[in-house]
Amino acid sequence: MTLRTTLCDLLEIEYPIVQAPIGSATCPALAAAVSNAGGLGHLAVTWRDLAETRRVIDETRGLTDEPFAVNLVVDDATTSVATADHLEAVLDAGAEIVTLSFGDADPHVGRIHDAGAIVAQTVGSAEEARDAVDAGVDIVVTQGLEAGGHVQSDVATTALVPRVADAVGADVPIVAAGGIGDGRGIAAALALGADGAWLGTRFVASEEARVHEAYQRRLRESDETDTEYTTLFEKGWPGTPHRVLRNETLERWERAGSPPAGERPGETDTVATTGDGEPIERYDEALATPDVDGAIEELALFAGQSVGQVAEIRPAGAVLADLVSETHTAISGLPGRQNADG
């Protein structure tokens, strides 16, 4: 049995499994490990400066000869670097696959194609998918409501993928994201009409991910009921919905009656500091990276509803191998299950 799909053919990868661009948790070691294991590794660079962006792309290329992707958030309000300038740096550094999130791909697709690169766009509805295809994107990523981190849809993955598949047709590969944490989820995404799966939370819980040990401990201890879809941690990216693990910051805000920004309890509290000594205030959207010091469990601990499938922290390559094996098992078991049910 093979898992090869049109996504694999287009991206020249072995398995239709993509490590999501999990913000500051991404790093060259993680992206390279996933790519070396046959999936598609990913770097998130939106909040990096141009020199750092070039450096991490170069470092990743030094760790793998396999394809990997670079993600940009197409929302200039989130960063001091204009998207067009950042994209130029990404392409100059030799990125061959560029993924775009939270914005209109249309102004950037031509430049990406001119550089000989492939472009994917994340969408949250069938209408957005049609707009992305009209703009010329090569791949559509459907992000469902179950996803961790910042979320750009209010539709569940199981409803969204078939709608997008019908909207864009068979010529544009679809990657399903949101609530997928094991091979059963990947098999389900393929059955719904996707050509691949995009996993974030499962790779945050990998040894290479650039996240704090206390964050990973919470991932291991949590289940599918422990996340919250909210706009609470919006300092730095106002009004953008996200899914996080429930914690004392969120529950304290609820006990206060869920007041709006400006009236939230402890709003100006410094709860942690970065490795450079920069303060992280309560309700910041800053990620708990290993160098952060302070009340880690009161920060935004991004996680999707698949978090209950995280049992241990393992090397990313081993995670990828497990996902492939689980997907094979899930797919091969379907005919037998159908016969038994009949």
C-alpha atoms as a PDB file:
ATOM      1  CA  MET A   1       0.000   0.000   0.000  1.00  0.00           C
ATOM      2  CA  THR A   2       1.250   3.474  -0.807  1.00  0.00           C
ATOM      3  CA  LEU A   3       0.314   6.821   0.689  1.00  0.00           C
ATOM      4  CA  ARG A   4       1.531   8.718  -2.333  1.00  0.00           C
ATOM      5  CA  THR A   5      -0.882  11.443  -3.511  1.00  0.00           C
ATOM      6  CA  THR A   6      -0.785  14.324  -5.973  1.00  0.00           C
ATOM      7  CA  LEU A   7       0.570  16.467  -3.113  1.00  0.00           C
ATOM      8  CA  CYS A   8       3.593  14.174  -2.852  1.00  0.00           C
ATOM      9  CA  ASP A   9       4.190  14.404  -6.583  1.00  0.00           C
ATOM     10  CA  LEU A  10       3.978  18.205  -6.617  1.00  0.00           C
ATOM     11  CA  LEU A  11       6.201  18.750  -3.571  1.00  0.00           C
ATOM     12  CA  GLU A  12       8.518  15.780  -4.215  1.00  0.00           C
ATOM     13  CA  ILE A  13       7.974  14.317  -0.750  1.00  0.00           C
ATOM     14  CA  GLU A  14       7.466  10.699   0.239  1.00  0.00           C
ATOM     15  CA  TYR A  15       4.422  11.016   2.483  1.00  0.00           C
ATOM     16  CA  PRO A  16       1.479  13.471   2.385  1.00  0.00           C
ATOM     17  CA  ILE A  17       2.175  14.756   5.894  1.00  0.00           C
ATOM     18  CA  VAL A  18       3.046  18.394   6.597  1.00  0.00           C
ATOM     19  CA  GLN A  19       4.422  19.800   9.840  1.00  0.00           C
ATOM     20  CA  ALA A  20       2.439  22.987  10.434  1.00  0.00           C
ATOM     21  CA  PRO A  21       4.267  26.341  10.727  1.00  0.00           C
ATOM     22  CA  ILE A  22       3.897  26.461  14.504  1.00  0.00           C
ATOM     23  CA  GLY A  23       5.211  29.983  15.057  1.00  0.00           C
ATOM     24  CA  SER A  24       8.307  30.375  17.207  1.00  0.00           C
ATOM     25  CA  ALA A  25       8.218  26.647  17.985  1.00  0.00           C
ATOM     26  CA  THR A  26       9.626  25.970  14.531  1.00  0.00           C
ATOM     27  CA  CYS A  27      13.359  25.805  13.994  1.00  0.00           C
ATOM     28  CA  PRO A  28      15.780  24.292  11.487  1.00  0.00           C
ATOM     29  CA  ALA A  29      16.207  21.106  13.527  1.00  0.00           C
ATOM     30  CA  LEU A  30      12.468  20.395  13.540  1.00  0.00           C
ATOM     31  CA  ALA A  31      11.828  21.240   9.900  1.00  0.00           C
ATOM     32  CA  ALA A  32      14.817  19.194   8.744  1.00  0.00           C
ATOM     33  CA  ALA A  33      13.877  16.195  10.896  1.00  0.00           C
ATOM     34  CA  VAL A  34      10.378  16.039   9.393  1.00  0.00           C
ATOM     35  CA  SER A  35      11.650  16.474   5.847  1.00  0.00           C
ATOM     36  CA  ASN A  36      14.394  13.888   6.313  1.00  0.00           C
ATOM     37  CA  ALA A  37      11.740  11.417   7.493  1.00  0.00           C
ATOM     38  CA  GLY A  38       9.736  11.875   4.287  1.00  0.00           C
ATOM     39  CA  GLY A  39       7.209  14.547   5.236  1.00  0.00           C
ATOM     40  CA  LEU A  40       7.300  18.294   4.639  1.00  0.00           C
ATOM     41  CA  GLY A  41       9.022  20.304   7.353  1.00  0.00           C
ATOM     42  CA  HIS A  42       8.096  23.925   7.871  1.00  0.00           C
ATOM     43  CA  LEU A  43       9.638  27.164   9.109  1.00  0.00           C
ATOM     44  CA  ALA A  44       7.562  30.092  10.393  1.00  0.00           C
ATOM     45  CA  VAL A  45       9.425  33.358   9.840  1.00  0.00           C
ATOM     46  CA  THR A  46       6.833  36.144  10.100  1.00  0.00           C
ATOM     47  CA  TRP A  47       8.119  37.507  13.402  1.00  0.00           C
ATOM     48  CA  ARG A  48      11.795  37.128  12.552  1.00  0.00           C
ATOM     49  CA  ASP A  49      13.804  39.974  11.071  1.00  0.00           C
ATOM     50  CA  LEU A  50      15.197  39.630   7.554  1.00  0.00           C
ATOM     51  CA  ALA A  51      18.678  38.555   8.594  1.00  0.00           C
ATOM     52  CA  GLU A  52      17.310  35.883  10.932  1.00  0.00           C
ATOM     53  CA  THR A  53      14.910  34.705   8.234  1.00  0.00           C
ATOM     54  CA  ARG A  54      17.774  34.145   5.825  1.00  0.00           C
ATOM     55  CA  ARG A  55      19.832  32.455   8.529  1.00  0.00           C
ATOM     56  CA  VAL A  56      17.208  29.857   9.508  1.00  0.00           C
ATOM     57  CA  ILE A  57      16.475  28.999   5.871  1.00  0.00           C
ATOM     58  CA  ASP A  58      20.205  28.548   5.203  1.00  0.00           C
ATOM     59  CA  GLU A  59      20.617  26.467   8.367  1.00  0.00           C
ATOM     60  CA  THR A  60      17.704  24.219   7.455  1.00  0.00           C
ATOM     61  CA  ARG A  61      19.093  23.663   3.980  1.00  0.00           C
ATOM     62  CA  GLY A  62      22.351  22.612   5.634  1.00  0.00           C
ATOM     63  CA  LEU A  63      20.488  19.932   7.599  1.00  0.00           C
ATOM     64  CA  THR A  64      18.421  18.414   4.796  1.00  0.00           C
ATOM     65  CA  ASP A  65      18.517  17.907   1.050  1.00  0.00           C
ATOM     66  CA  GLU A  66      14.755  17.315   1.054  1.00  0.00           C
ATOM     67  CA  PRO A  67      12.040  19.929   0.377  1.00  0.00           C
ATOM     68  CA  PHE A  68      10.789  22.123   3.219  1.00  0.00           C
ATOM     69  CA  ALA A  69       8.352  25.043   3.330  1.00  0.00           C
ATOM     70  CA  VAL A  70       8.554  28.601   4.656  1.00  0.00           C
ATOM     71  CA  ASN A  71       5.439  30.320   6.018  1.00  0.00           C
ATOM     72  CA  LEU A  72       4.494  33.992   6.076  1.00  0.00           C
ATOM     73  CA  VAL A  73       1.434  35.588   7.640  1.00  0.00           C
ATOM     74  CA  VAL A  74       0.028  38.015   5.053  1.00  0.00           C
ATOM     75  CA  ASP A  75      -1.002  40.658   7.568  1.00  0.00           C
ATOM     76  CA  ASP A  76       1.339  43.614   7.813  1.00  0.00           C
ATOM     77  CA  ALA A  77      -0.334  44.692  11.064  1.00  0.00           C
ATOM     78  CA  THR A  78       1.331  41.752  12.845  1.00  0.00           C
ATOM     79  CA  THR A  79       4.971  42.588  12.126  1.00  0.00           C
ATOM     80  CA  SER A  80       7.337  45.479  11.596  1.00  0.00           C
ATOM     81  CA  VAL A  81       8.531  43.959   8.304  1.00  0.00           C
ATOM     82  CA  ALA A  82       6.286  44.443   5.266  1.00  0.00           C
ATOM     83  CA  THR A  83       5.150  41.167   3.699  1.00  0.00           C
ATOM     84  CA  ALA A  84       6.575  42.080   0.287  1.00  0.00           C
ATOM     85  CA  ASP A  85      10.023  42.730   1.793  1.00  0.00           C
ATOM     86  CA  HIS A  86       9.872  39.582   3.886  1.00  0.00           C
ATOM     87  CA  LEU A  87       8.818  37.504   0.910  1.00  0.00           C
ATOM     88  CA  GLU A  88      11.728  38.886  -1.100  1.00  0.00           C
ATOM     89  CA  ALA A  89      14.123  37.762   1.637  1.00  0.00           C
ATOM     90  CA  VAL A  90      12.502  34.309   1.768  1.00  0.00           C
ATOM     91  CA  LEU A  91      12.835  33.840  -1.985  1.00  0.00           C
ATOM     92  CA  ASP A  92      16.359  35.271  -2.100  1.00  0.00           C
ATOM     93  CA  ALA A  93      17.322  32.688   0.536  1.00  0.00           C
ATOM     94  CA  GLY A  94      16.195  29.976  -1.866  1.00  0.00           C
ATOM     95  CA  ALA A  95      12.837  28.885  -0.463  1.00  0.00           C
ATOM     96  CA  GLU A  96      11.175  26.537  -2.946  1.00  0.00           C
ATOM     97  CA  ILE A  97       7.809  26.192  -1.173  1.00  0.00           C
ATOM     98  CA  VAL A  98       6.084  29.224   0.363  1.00  0.00           C
ATOM     99  CA  THR A  99       2.881  29.013   2.396  1.00  0.00           C
ATOM    100  CA  LEU A 100       0.729  32.069   3.135  1.00  0.00           C
ATOM    101  CA  SER A 101      -1.769  32.530   5.978  1.00  0.00           C
ATOM    102  CA  PHE A 102      -4.251  35.146   7.193  1.00  0.00           C
ATOM    103  CA  GLY A 103      -4.552  37.375   4.180  1.00  0.00           C
ATOM    104  CA  ASP A 104      -4.856  37.709   0.431  1.00  0.00           C
ATOM    105  CA  ALA A 105      -2.361  35.667  -1.562  1.00  0.00           C
ATOM    106  CA  ASP A 106      -3.144  37.431  -4.830  1.00  0.00           C
ATOM    107  CA  PRO A 107      -0.530  40.239  -4.569  1.00  0.00           C
ATOM    108  CA  HIS A 108       2.246  37.702  -3.928  1.00  0.00           C
ATOM    109  CA  VAL A 109       1.553  34.647  -6.091  1.00  0.00           C
ATOM    110  CA  GLY A 110       3.156  36.074  -9.225  1.00  0.00           C
ATOM    111  CA  ARG A 111       6.384  36.966  -7.428  1.00  0.00           C
ATOM    112  CA  ILE A 112       6.598  33.490  -5.887  1.00  0.00           C
ATOM    113  CA  HIS A 113       6.037  31.788  -9.227  1.00  0.00           C
ATOM    114  CA  ASP A 114       8.549  34.081 -10.923  1.00  0.00           C
ATOM    115  CA  ALA A 115      11.133  32.772  -8.457  1.00  0.00           C
ATOM    116  CA  GLY A 116      10.263  29.202  -9.449  1.00  0.00           C
ATOM    117  CA  ALA A 117       8.652  28.401  -6.102  1.00  0.00           C
ATOM    118  CA  ILE A 118       5.385  26.682  -5.196  1.00  0.00           C
ATOM    119  CA  VAL A 119       2.772  28.607  -3.204  1.00  0.00           C
ATOM    120  CA  ALA A 120       0.091  27.360  -0.804  1.00  0.00           C
ATOM    121  CA  GLN A 121      -2.634  29.423   0.876  1.00  0.00           C
ATOM    122  CA  THR A 122      -4.516  28.610   4.086  1.00  0.00           C
ATOM    123  CA  VAL A 123      -8.276  29.119   3.873  1.00  0.00           C
ATOM    124  CA  GLY A 124     -11.276  28.775   6.165  1.00  0.00           C
ATOM    125  CA  SER A 125     -14.147  28.427   3.692  1.00  0.00           C
ATOM    126  CA  ALA A 126     -15.002  27.211   0.205  1.00  0.00           C
ATOM    127  CA  GLU A 127     -15.273  30.821  -0.969  1.00  0.00           C
ATOM    128  CA  GLU A 128     -11.783  31.627   0.267  1.00  0.00           C
ATOM    129  CA  ALA A 129     -10.528  28.478  -1.458  1.00  0.00           C
ATOM    130  CA  ARG A 130     -12.018  29.578  -4.791  1.00  0.00           C
ATOM    131  CA  ASP A 131     -10.432  33.014  -4.387  1.00  0.00           C
ATOM    132  CA  ALA A 132      -7.055  31.415  -3.670  1.00  0.00           C
ATOM    133  CA  VAL A 133      -7.269  29.217  -6.760  1.00  0.00           C
ATOM    134  CA  ASP A 134      -8.324  32.212  -8.869  1.00  0.00           C
ATOM    135  CA  ALA A 135      -5.204  33.984  -7.567  1.00  0.00           C
ATOM    136  CA  GLY A 136      -3.107  31.092  -8.900  1.00  0.00           C
ATOM    137  CA  VAL A 137      -2.044  29.230  -5.771  1.00  0.00           C
ATOM    138  CA  ASP A 138      -0.753  25.704  -6.293  1.00  0.00           C
ATOM    139  CA  ILE A 139      -2.066  24.178  -3.042  1.00  0.00           C
ATOM    140  CA  VAL A 140      -5.000  25.005  -0.762  1.00  0.00           C
ATOM    141  CA  VAL A 141      -4.741  24.342   2.971  1.00  0.00           C
ATOM    142  CA  THR A 142      -8.087  24.034   4.782  1.00  0.00           C
ATOM    143  CA  GLN A 143      -7.791  24.978   8.451  1.00  0.00           C
ATOM    144  CA  GLY A 144     -10.672  23.755  10.591  1.00  0.00           C
ATOM    145  CA  LEU A 145     -11.969  25.189  13.845  1.00  0.00           C
ATOM    146  CA  GLU A 146     -10.307  22.400  15.848  1.00  0.00           C
ATOM    147  CA  ALA A 147      -6.832  23.730  15.055  1.00  0.00           C
ATOM    148  CA  GLY A 148      -4.459  25.024  17.697  1.00  0.00           C
ATOM    149  CA  GLY A 149      -2.727  28.383  17.560  1.00  0.00           C
ATOM    150  CA  HIS A 150      -4.278  31.179  15.534  1.00  0.00           C
ATOM    151  CA  VAL A 151      -7.382  30.019  13.685  1.00  0.00           C
ATOM    152  CA  GLN A 152      -8.895  31.470  10.525  1.00  0.00           C
ATOM    153  CA  SER A 153     -12.082  29.407  10.282  1.00  0.00           C
ATOM    154  CA  ASP A 154     -15.214  28.738  12.277  1.00  0.00           C
ATOM    155  CA  VAL A 155     -16.024  25.519  10.393  1.00  0.00           C
ATOM    156  CA  ALA A 156     -15.019  22.026  11.534  1.00  0.00           C
ATOM    157  CA  THR A 157     -12.443  20.143   9.473  1.00  0.00           C
ATOM    158  CA  THR A 158     -14.860  17.335   8.579  1.00  0.00           C
ATOM    159  CA  ALA A 159     -17.314  19.840   7.092  1.00  0.00           C
ATOM    160  CA  LEU A 160     -14.714  22.121   5.525  1.00  0.00           C
ATOM    161  CA  VAL A 161     -12.582  19.646   3.563  1.00  0.00           C
ATOM    162  CA  PRO A 162     -15.385  18.202   1.376  1.00  0.00           C
ATOM    163  CA  ARG A 163     -16.727  21.688   0.689  1.00  0.00           C
ATOM    164  CA  VAL A 164     -13.326  22.901  -0.433  1.00  0.00           C
ATOM    165  CA  ALA A 165     -12.720  19.738  -2.455  1.00  0.00           C
ATOM    166  CA  ASP A 166     -15.943  20.355  -4.338  1.00  0.00           C
ATOM    167  CA  ALA A 167     -15.141  24.041  -4.782  1.00  0.00           C
ATOM    168  CA  VAL A 168     -11.649  23.728  -6.252  1.00  0.00           C
ATOM    169  CA  GLY A 169     -11.881  20.449  -8.161  1.00  0.00           C
ATOM    170  CA  ALA A 170      -9.281  17.769  -8.634  1.00  0.00           C
ATOM    171  CA  ASP A 171      -6.531  19.887 -10.199  1.00  0.00           C
ATOM    172  CA  VAL A 172      -5.466  21.700  -7.011  1.00  0.00           C
ATOM    173  CA  PRO A 173      -4.176  19.570  -4.112  1.00  0.00           C
ATOM    174  CA  ILE A 174      -5.851  20.128  -0.734  1.00  0.00           C
ATOM    175  CA  VAL A 175      -4.158  19.768   2.640  1.00  0.00           C
ATOM    176  CA  ALA A 176      -6.417  19.318   5.676  1.00  0.00           C
ATOM    177  CA  ALA A 177      -5.515  20.994   8.973  1.00  0.00           C
ATOM    178  CA  GLY A 178      -7.211  21.148  12.353  1.00  0.00           C
ATOM    179  CA  GLY A 179      -7.724  18.423  14.934  1.00  0.00           C
ATOM    180  CA  ILE A 180      -5.526  15.842  13.186  1.00  0.00           C
ATOM    181  CA  GLY A 181      -3.163  14.114  15.600  1.00  0.00           C
ATOM    182  CA  ASP A 182      -2.639  10.550  14.422  1.00  0.00           C
ATOM    183  CA  GLY A 183      -2.884   8.250  11.420  1.00  0.00           C
ATOM    184  CA  ARG A 184      -6.627   7.754  11.843  1.00  0.00           C
ATOM    185  CA  GLY A 185      -7.073  11.506  11.388  1.00  0.00           C
ATOM    186  CA  ILE A 186      -4.851  11.485   8.324  1.00  0.00           C
ATOM    187  CA  ALA A 187      -6.800   8.589   6.804  1.00  0.00           C
ATOM    188  CA  ALA A 188     -10.048  10.427   7.523  1.00  0.00           C
ATOM    189  CA  ALA A 189      -8.738  13.590   5.846  1.00  0.00           C
ATOM    190  CA  LEU A 190      -7.812  11.616   2.747  1.00  0.00           C
ATOM    191  CA  ALA A 191     -11.271  10.025   2.698  1.00  0.00           C
ATOM    192  CA  LEU A 192     -12.882  13.477   2.925  1.00  0.00           C
ATOM    193  CA  GLY A 193     -11.111  14.601  -0.234  1.00  0.00           C
ATOM    194  CA  ALA A 194      -7.789  15.974   0.980  1.00  0.00           C
ATOM    195  CA  ASP A 195      -4.468  15.056  -0.616  1.00  0.00           C
ATOM    196  CA  GLY A 196      -2.512  15.445   2.620  1.00  0.00           C
ATOM    197  CA  ALA A 197      -2.664  16.396   6.287  1.00  0.00           C
ATOM    198  CA  TRP A 198      -1.137  19.311   8.207  1.00  0.00           C
ATOM    199  CA  LEU A 199      -0.327  18.649  11.877  1.00  0.00           C
ATOM    200  CA  GLY A 200       0.741  21.253  14.421  1.00  0.00           C
ATOM    201  CA  THR A 201       0.082  20.164  18.006  1.00  0.00           C
ATOM    202  CA  ARG A 202       1.614  16.735  17.446  1.00  0.00           C
ATOM    203  CA  PHE A 203       4.884  18.329  16.319  1.00  0.00           C
ATOM    204  CA  VAL A 204       4.899  20.914  19.115  1.00  0.00           C
ATOM    205  CA  ALA A 205       5.155  17.787  21.269  1.00  0.00           C
ATOM    206  CA  SER A 206       8.412  16.679  19.638  1.00  0.00           C
ATOM    207  CA  GLU A 207      11.952  16.822  20.968  1.00  0.00           C
ATOM    208  CA  GLU A 208      13.113  19.283  18.325  1.00  0.00           C
ATOM    209  CA  ALA A 209      10.295  21.800  18.811  1.00  0.00           C
ATOM    210  CA  ARG A 210      11.519  25.074  20.291  1.00  0.00           C
ATOM    211  CA  VAL A 211       9.136  25.171  23.250  1.00  0.00           C
ATOM    212  CA  HIS A 212       9.428  25.170  27.029  1.00  0.00           C
ATOM    213  CA  GLU A 213       9.389  21.879  28.916  1.00  0.00           C
ATOM    214  CA  ALA A 214       6.473  23.073  31.048  1.00  0.00           C
ATOM    215  CA  TYR A 215       4.454  23.703  27.884  1.00  0.00           C
ATOM    216  CA  GLN A 216       5.145  20.212  26.602  1.00  0.00           C
ATOM    217  CA  ARG A 217       4.225  18.776  29.989  1.00  0.00           C
ATOM    218  CA  ARG A 218       0.814  20.445  29.744  1.00  0.00           C
ATOM    219  CA  LEU A 219       0.378  18.980  26.260  1.00  0.00           C
ATOM    220  CA  ARG A 220       1.015  15.479  27.608  1.00  0.00           C
ATOM    221  CA  GLU A 221      -1.377  15.971  30.515  1.00  0.00           C
ATOM    222  CA  SER A 222      -4.271  17.491  28.536  1.00  0.00           C
ATOM    223  CA  ASP A 223      -7.180  15.931  26.711  1.00  0.00           C
ATOM    224  CA  GLU A 224      -9.611  16.991  23.986  1.00  0.00           C
ATOM    225  CA  THR A 225     -11.777  18.948  26.429  1.00  0.00           C
ATOM    226  CA  ASP A 226      -8.930  21.097  27.781  1.00  0.00           C
ATOM    227  CA  THR A 227      -8.675  23.656  24.970  1.00  0.00           C
ATOM    228  CA  GLU A 228     -10.510  26.939  24.480  1.00  0.00           C
ATOM    229  CA  TYR A 229     -11.269  28.878  21.287  1.00  0.00           C
ATOM    230  CA  THR A 230     -10.879  32.521  22.272  1.00  0.00           C
ATOM    231  CA  THR A 231      -9.472  35.963  21.456  1.00  0.00           C
ATOM    232  CA  LEU A 232      -8.097  36.420  24.985  1.00  0.00           C
ATOM    233  CA  PHE A 233      -4.343  36.288  24.275  1.00  0.00           C
ATOM    234  CA  GLU A 234      -4.456  39.056  21.690  1.00  0.00           C
ATOM    235  CA  LYS A 235      -1.683  41.453  22.726  1.00  0.00           C
ATOM    236  CA  GLY A 236       0.471  41.555  19.612  1.00  0.00           C
ATOM    237  CA  TRP A 237      -2.278  40.380  17.255  1.00  0.00           C
ATOM    238  CA  PRO A 238      -5.537  42.048  18.295  1.00  0.00           C
ATOM    239  CA  GLY A 239      -8.846  40.355  17.596  1.00  0.00           C
ATOM    240  CA  THR A 240      -7.436  37.198  16.002  1.00  0.00           C
ATOM    241  CA  PRO A 241      -9.072  33.999  17.318  1.00  0.00           C
ATOM    242  CA  HIS A 242      -6.855  31.248  18.641  1.00  0.00           C
ATOM    243  CA  ARG A 243      -7.095  27.920  20.462  1.00  0.00           C
ATOM    244  CA  VAL A 244      -5.118  27.438  23.676  1.00  0.00           C
ATOM    245  CA  LEU A 245      -5.005  25.159  26.677  1.00  0.00           C
ATOM    246  CA  ARG A 246      -7.190  26.340  29.522  1.00  0.00           C
ATOM    247  CA  ASN A 247      -5.105  27.846  32.325  1.00  0.00           C
ATOM    248  CA  GLU A 248      -5.291  30.164  35.319  1.00  0.00           C
ATOM    249  CA  THR A 249      -5.119  33.318  33.186  1.00  0.00           C
ATOM    250  CA  LEU A 250      -8.182  32.274  31.189  1.00  0.00           C
ATOM    251  CA  GLU A 251     -10.121  31.018  34.206  1.00  0.00           C
ATOM    252  CA  ARG A 252      -9.358  34.156  36.228  1.00  0.00           C
ATOM    253  CA  TRP A 253     -10.714  36.248  33.359  1.00  0.00           C
ATOM    254  CA  GLU A 254     -13.874  34.110  33.236  1.00  0.00           C
ATOM    255  CA  ARG A 255     -14.378  34.462  36.983  1.00  0.00           C
ATOM    256  CA  ALA A 256     -14.199  38.238  36.499  1.00  0.00           C
ATOM    257  CA  GLY A 257     -17.084  38.043  34.024  1.00  0.00           C
ATOM    258  CA  SER A 258     -15.006  37.871  30.804  1.00  0.00           C
ATOM    259  CA  PRO A 259     -14.457  41.655  30.581  1.00  0.00           C
ATOM    260  CA  PRO A 260     -13.168  43.301  27.383  1.00  0.00           C
ATOM    261  CA  ALA A 261      -9.591  44.419  26.730  1.00  0.00           C
ATOM    262  CA  GLY A 262      -8.675  47.266  29.017  1.00  0.00           C
ATOM    263  CA  GLU A 263     -10.721  45.837  31.885  1.00  0.00           C
ATOM    264  CA  ARG A 264      -9.248  42.352  32.234  1.00  0.00           C
ATOM    265  CA  PRO A 265      -7.767  41.285  35.588  1.00  0.00           C
ATOM    266  CA  GLY A 266      -3.999  41.681  35.867  1.00  0.00           C
ATOM    267  CA  GLU A 267      -3.801  43.163  32.396  1.00  0.00           C
ATOM    268  CA  THR A 268      -0.444  44.886  32.894  1.00  0.00           C
ATOM    269  CA  ASP A 269       1.131  42.086  34.943  1.00  0.00           C
ATOM    270  CA  THR A 270       4.492  40.863  33.721  1.00  0.00           C
ATOM    271  CA  VAL A 271       4.172  37.076  33.999  1.00  0.00           C
ATOM    272  CA  ALA A 272       7.415  36.076  32.298  1.00  0.00           C
ATOM    273  CA  THR A 273      10.498  37.379  30.480  1.00  0.00           C
ATOM    274  CA  THR A 274      12.181  36.329  27.257  1.00  0.00           C
ATOM    275  CA  GLY A 275      15.777  35.197  27.083  1.00  0.00           C
ATOM    276  CA  ASP A 276      16.687  38.770  26.170  1.00  0.00           C
ATOM    277  CA  GLY A 277      14.961  40.072  29.283  1.00  0.00           C
ATOM    278  CA  GLU A 278      11.939  41.488  27.462  1.00  0.00           C
ATOM    279  CA  PRO A 279       8.753  41.386  29.558  1.00  0.00           C
ATOM    280  CA  ILE A 280       5.829  39.191  28.558  1.00  0.00           C
ATOM    281  CA  GLU A 281       2.576  40.587  29.880  1.00  0.00           C
ATOM    282  CA  ARG A 282      -0.532  38.650  30.736  1.00  0.00           C
ATOM    283  CA  TYR A 283      -2.663  38.190  27.584  1.00  0.00           C
ATOM    284  CA  ASP A 284       0.380  38.474  25.283  1.00  0.00           C
ATOM    285  CA  GLU A 285       0.349  36.027  22.365  1.00  0.00           C
ATOM    286  CA  ALA A 286       4.047  35.245  22.941  1.00  0.00           C
ATOM    287  CA  LEU A 287       4.995  31.579  22.699  1.00  0.00           C
ATOM    288  CA  ALA A 288       6.602  29.778  25.652  1.00  0.00           C
ATOM    289  CA  THR A 289      10.005  29.049  24.126  1.00  0.00           C
ATOM    290  CA  PRO A 290      12.776  27.332  26.131  1.00  0.00           C
ATOM    291  CA  ASP A 291      14.474  30.620  27.101  1.00  0.00           C
ATOM    292  CA  VAL A 292      11.320  32.131  28.645  1.00  0.00           C
ATOM    293  CA  ASP A 293      11.468  32.466  32.421  1.00  0.00           C
ATOM    294  CA  GLY A 294       8.468  32.935  34.699  1.00  0.00           C
ATOM    295  CA  ALA A 295       4.927  31.653  35.093  1.00  0.00           C
ATOM    296  CA  ILE A 296       4.939  29.505  31.950  1.00  0.00           C
ATOM    297  CA  GLU A 297       1.552  27.925  32.594  1.00  0.00           C
ATOM    298  CA  GLU A 298      -0.117  31.365  32.672  1.00  0.00           C
ATOM    299  CA  LEU A 299       1.001  32.164  29.110  1.00  0.00           C
ATOM    300  CA  ALA A 300      -0.825  31.336  25.880  1.00  0.00           C
ATOM    301  CA  LEU A 301      -0.240  27.599  25.510  1.00  0.00           C
ATOM    302  CA  PHE A 302      -1.436  27.010  21.965  1.00  0.00           C
ATOM    303  CA  ALA A 303      -2.917  23.575  21.257  1.00  0.00           C
ATOM    304  CA  GLY A 304      -5.562  22.004  19.053  1.00  0.00           C
ATOM    305  CA  GLN A 305      -8.301  19.566  20.013  1.00  0.00           C
ATOM    306  CA  SER A 306      -6.029  16.701  18.952  1.00  0.00           C
ATOM    307  CA  VAL A 307      -3.957  17.332  22.109  1.00  0.00           C
ATOM    308  CA  GLY A 308      -5.498  14.294  23.796  1.00  0.00           C
ATOM    309  CA  GLN A 309      -3.549  12.130  21.350  1.00  0.00           C
ATOM    310  CA  VAL A 310      -0.215  13.428  22.682  1.00  0.00           C
ATOM    311  CA  ALA A 311       1.086  10.790  25.082  1.00  0.00           C
ATOM    312  CA  GLU A 312       4.819  11.474  25.049  1.00  0.00           C
ATOM    313  CA  ILE A 313       7.502  13.736  23.622  1.00  0.00           C
ATOM    314  CA  ARG A 314       9.413  11.952  20.864  1.00  0.00           C
ATOM    315  CA  PRO A 315      11.859  12.859  18.085  1.00  0.00           C
ATOM    316  CA  ALA A 316      10.044  14.376  15.115  1.00  0.00           C
ATOM    317  CA  GLY A 317      11.319  11.690  12.764  1.00  0.00           C
ATOM    318  CA  ALA A 318       9.860   8.991  15.003  1.00  0.00           C
ATOM    319  CA  VAL A 319       6.568  10.892  15.169  1.00  0.00           C
ATOM    320  CA  LEU A 320       6.467  11.003  11.370  1.00  0.00           C
ATOM    321  CA  ALA A 321       7.193   7.275  11.128  1.00  0.00           C
ATOM    322  CA  ASP A 322       4.417   6.519  13.615  1.00  0.00           C
ATOM    323  CA  LEU A 323       1.967   8.655  11.657  1.00  0.00           C
ATOM    324  CA  VAL A 324       2.776   6.800   8.446  1.00  0.00           C
ATOM    325  CA  SER A 325       2.353   3.401  10.125  1.00  0.00           C
ATOM    326  CA  GLU A 326      -0.902   4.452  11.802  1.00  0.00           C
ATOM    327  CA  THR A 327      -2.294   5.763   8.527  1.00  0.00           C
ATOM    328  CA  HIS A 328      -1.489   2.508   6.736  1.00  0.00           C
ATOM    329  CA  THR A 329      -3.195   0.569   9.529  1.00  0.00           C
ATOM    330  CA  ALA A 330      -6.270   2.795   9.482  1.00  0.00           C
ATOM    331  CA  ILE A 331      -6.690   2.549   5.727  1.00  0.00           C
ATOM    332  CA  SER A 332      -6.053  -1.191   5.514  1.00  0.00           C
ATOM    333  CA  GLY A 333      -8.541  -1.820   8.308  1.00  0.00           C
ATOM    334  CA  LEU A 334     -11.434  -0.073   6.614  1.00  0.00           C
ATOM    335  CA  PRO A 335     -12.657  -2.903   4.315  1.00  0.00           C
ATOM    336  CA  GLY A 336     -12.592  -5.436   7.133  1.00  0.00           C
ATOM    337  CA  ARG A 337     -14.490  -3.093   9.428  1.00  0.00           C
ATOM    338  CA  GLN A 338     -17.091  -2.454   6.748  1.00  0.00           C
ATOM    339  CA  ASN A 339     -17.571  -6.181   6.197  1.00  0.00           C
ATOM    340  CA  ALA A 340     -17.901  -6.810   9.911  1.00  0.00           C
ATOM    341  CA  ASP A 341     -20.482  -4.061  10.243  1.00  0.00           C
ATOM    342  CA  GLY A 342     -22.437  -5.487   7.333  1.00  0.00           C
END
